[in-house]
């Protein structure tokens, strides 16, 4: 759970300002379609990581 929380927090710390247009003056603009794809990708990564955590043997 901690890994997923860290991933989601880090990803959203970068993705939300990017989607809001904070980096527009630097020439970085994210289209809504790409933003939706990246958000879906983040969800898939968290879900896969959660599934992998189940497969780890308990010590």
N, C-alpha and C. Protein backbone atom coordinates (compact mmCIF):
# COMPACT_ATOMS: atom_id res chain seq x y z
N UNK A 1 0.83 -1.20 0.00
CA UNK A 1 0.00 0.00 0.00
C UNK A 1 0.87 1.26 0.00
N UNK A 2 1.97 1.20 0.71
CA UNK A 2 2.84 2.37 0.78
C UNK A 2 3.44 2.66 -0.60
N UNK A 3 3.81 1.62 -1.32
CA UNK A 3 4.34 1.82 -2.67
C UNK A 3 3.31 2.49 -3.57
N UNK A 4 2.08 2.04 -3.50
CA UNK A 4 1.03 2.63 -4.33
C UNK A 4 0.74 4.07 -3.93
N UNK A 5 0.75 4.34 -2.64
CA UNK A 5 0.53 5.70 -2.16
C UNK A 5 1.65 6.62 -2.64
N UNK A 6 2.89 6.14 -2.55
CA UNK A 6 4.03 6.94 -3.00
C UNK A 6 3.95 7.20 -4.51
N UNK A 7 3.62 6.16 -5.27
CA UNK A 7 3.50 6.32 -6.72
C UNK A 7 2.41 7.33 -7.06
N UNK A 8 1.24 7.17 -6.47
CA UNK A 8 0.11 8.04 -6.80
C UNK A 8 0.40 9.49 -6.38
N UNK A 9 1.02 9.68 -5.23
CA UNK A 9 1.34 11.03 -4.77
C UNK A 9 2.36 11.69 -5.68
N UNK A 10 3.42 10.98 -6.02
CA UNK A 10 4.44 11.53 -6.90
C UNK A 10 3.91 11.82 -8.29
N UNK A 11 3.14 10.90 -8.81
CA UNK A 11 2.58 11.07 -10.15
C UNK A 11 1.65 12.28 -10.18
N UNK A 12 0.77 12.38 -9.21
CA UNK A 12 -0.19 13.48 -9.19
C UNK A 12 0.47 14.82 -8.89
N UNK A 13 1.57 14.81 -8.14
CA UNK A 13 2.30 16.06 -7.88
C UNK A 13 2.85 16.65 -9.17
N UNK A 14 3.16 15.80 -10.14
CA UNK A 14 3.65 16.26 -11.44
C UNK A 14 2.51 16.44 -12.43
N UNK A 15 1.59 15.49 -12.46
CA UNK A 15 0.56 15.47 -13.50
C UNK A 15 -0.50 16.57 -13.33
N UNK A 16 -0.88 16.87 -12.12
CA UNK A 16 -1.93 17.88 -11.93
C UNK A 16 -1.48 19.27 -12.38
N UNK A 17 -0.29 19.74 -11.97
CA UNK A 17 0.15 21.04 -12.51
C UNK A 17 0.34 21.02 -14.03
N UNK A 18 0.82 19.89 -14.54
CA UNK A 18 1.00 19.77 -15.99
C UNK A 18 -0.35 19.88 -16.70
N UNK A 19 -1.35 19.19 -16.20
CA UNK A 19 -2.69 19.24 -16.80
C UNK A 19 -3.33 20.61 -16.63
N UNK A 20 -2.97 21.32 -15.57
CA UNK A 20 -3.55 22.64 -15.32
C UNK A 20 -2.91 23.73 -16.17
N UNK A 21 -1.81 23.39 -16.84
CA UNK A 21 -1.17 24.37 -17.72
C UNK A 21 -0.12 25.21 -17.05
N UNK A 22 0.40 24.77 -15.91
CA UNK A 22 1.41 25.53 -15.18
C UNK A 22 2.68 25.71 -16.02
N UNK A 23 3.00 24.74 -16.84
CA UNK A 23 4.22 24.78 -17.63
C UNK A 23 3.98 25.32 -19.05
N UNK A 24 2.87 26.00 -19.26
CA UNK A 24 2.53 26.52 -20.58
C UNK A 24 3.58 27.51 -21.09
N UNK A 25 4.07 28.37 -20.21
CA UNK A 25 5.07 29.37 -20.62
C UNK A 25 6.38 28.71 -21.04
N UNK A 26 6.63 27.50 -20.55
CA UNK A 26 7.83 26.76 -20.93
C UNK A 26 7.60 25.99 -22.24
N UNK A 27 6.40 26.10 -22.80
CA UNK A 27 6.11 25.42 -24.06
C UNK A 27 5.56 24.01 -23.88
N UNK A 28 5.21 23.66 -22.66
CA UNK A 28 4.68 22.31 -22.39
C UNK A 28 3.19 22.43 -22.17
N UNK A 29 2.43 21.86 -23.09
CA UNK A 29 0.97 21.89 -22.99
C UNK A 29 0.44 20.48 -23.20
N UNK A 30 -0.41 20.06 -22.32
CA UNK A 30 -0.96 18.71 -22.35
C UNK A 30 -2.40 18.76 -22.84
N UNK A 31 -2.70 18.02 -23.88
CA UNK A 31 -4.07 18.00 -24.37
C UNK A 31 -4.94 17.16 -23.43
N UNK A 32 -6.23 17.43 -23.37
CA UNK A 32 -7.10 16.65 -22.49
C UNK A 32 -7.09 15.15 -22.80
N UNK A 33 -6.98 14.80 -24.07
CA UNK A 33 -6.96 13.38 -24.43
C UNK A 33 -5.71 12.69 -23.88
N UNK A 34 -4.57 13.33 -24.01
CA UNK A 34 -3.33 12.76 -23.47
C UNK A 34 -3.40 12.70 -21.94
N UNK A 35 -3.98 13.72 -21.32
CA UNK A 35 -4.15 13.72 -19.87
C UNK A 35 -5.00 12.55 -19.40
N UNK A 36 -6.06 12.26 -20.14
CA UNK A 36 -6.92 11.13 -19.79
C UNK A 36 -6.18 9.80 -19.94
N UNK A 37 -5.39 9.68 -20.99
CA UNK A 37 -4.61 8.46 -21.19
C UNK A 37 -3.60 8.28 -20.08
N UNK A 38 -2.91 9.36 -19.71
CA UNK A 38 -1.90 9.27 -18.65
C UNK A 38 -2.53 8.94 -17.29
N UNK A 39 -3.72 9.48 -17.03
CA UNK A 39 -4.39 9.18 -15.77
C UNK A 39 -4.82 7.72 -15.73
N UNK A 40 -5.30 7.22 -16.85
CA UNK A 40 -5.66 5.79 -16.93
C UNK A 40 -4.43 4.92 -16.75
N UNK A 41 -3.32 5.33 -17.33
CA UNK A 41 -2.07 4.58 -17.20
C UNK A 41 -1.64 4.53 -15.74
N UNK A 42 -1.79 5.63 -15.03
CA UNK A 42 -1.44 5.65 -13.60
C UNK A 42 -2.29 4.65 -12.82
N UNK A 43 -3.57 4.59 -13.13
CA UNK A 43 -4.46 3.65 -12.46
C UNK A 43 -4.06 2.21 -12.75
N UNK A 44 -3.71 1.94 -13.98
CA UNK A 44 -3.28 0.59 -14.36
C UNK A 44 -2.00 0.20 -13.63
N UNK A 45 -1.05 1.12 -13.54
CA UNK A 45 0.21 0.83 -12.84
C UNK A 45 -0.03 0.53 -11.37
N UNK A 46 -0.89 1.30 -10.72
CA UNK A 46 -1.20 1.05 -9.31
C UNK A 46 -1.90 -0.30 -9.15
N UNK A 47 -2.81 -0.62 -10.04
CA UNK A 47 -3.52 -1.90 -9.95
C UNK A 47 -2.56 -3.08 -10.17
N UNK A 48 -1.66 -2.96 -11.13
CA UNK A 48 -0.69 -4.04 -11.37
C UNK A 48 0.23 -4.19 -10.17
N UNK A 49 0.67 -3.07 -9.61
CA UNK A 49 1.54 -3.14 -8.43
C UNK A 49 0.82 -3.80 -7.26
N UNK A 50 -0.44 -3.49 -7.07
CA UNK A 50 -1.21 -4.11 -5.99
C UNK A 50 -1.32 -5.61 -6.21
N UNK A 51 -1.53 -6.01 -7.45
CA UNK A 51 -1.62 -7.43 -7.77
C UNK A 51 -0.27 -8.13 -7.51
N UNK A 52 0.83 -7.46 -7.84
CA UNK A 52 2.15 -8.05 -7.60
C UNK A 52 2.45 -8.19 -6.11
N UNK A 53 1.94 -7.26 -5.31
CA UNK A 53 2.15 -7.33 -3.86
C UNK A 53 1.49 -8.58 -3.27
N UNK A 54 0.38 -8.98 -3.85
CA UNK A 54 -0.32 -10.18 -3.37
C UNK A 54 0.53 -11.41 -3.63
N UNK A 55 1.31 -11.40 -4.71
CA UNK A 55 2.10 -12.55 -5.10
C UNK A 55 3.38 -12.72 -4.30
N UNK A 56 3.81 -11.68 -3.58
CA UNK A 56 5.04 -11.76 -2.80
C UNK A 56 4.84 -12.69 -1.60
N UNK A 57 5.81 -13.59 -1.35
CA UNK A 57 5.67 -14.47 -0.19
C UNK A 57 5.81 -13.69 1.12
N UNK A 58 5.05 -14.09 2.10
CA UNK A 58 5.11 -13.43 3.40
C UNK A 58 6.28 -13.99 4.20
N UNK A 59 6.96 -13.11 4.89
CA UNK A 59 8.15 -13.53 5.67
C UNK A 59 7.76 -14.07 7.03
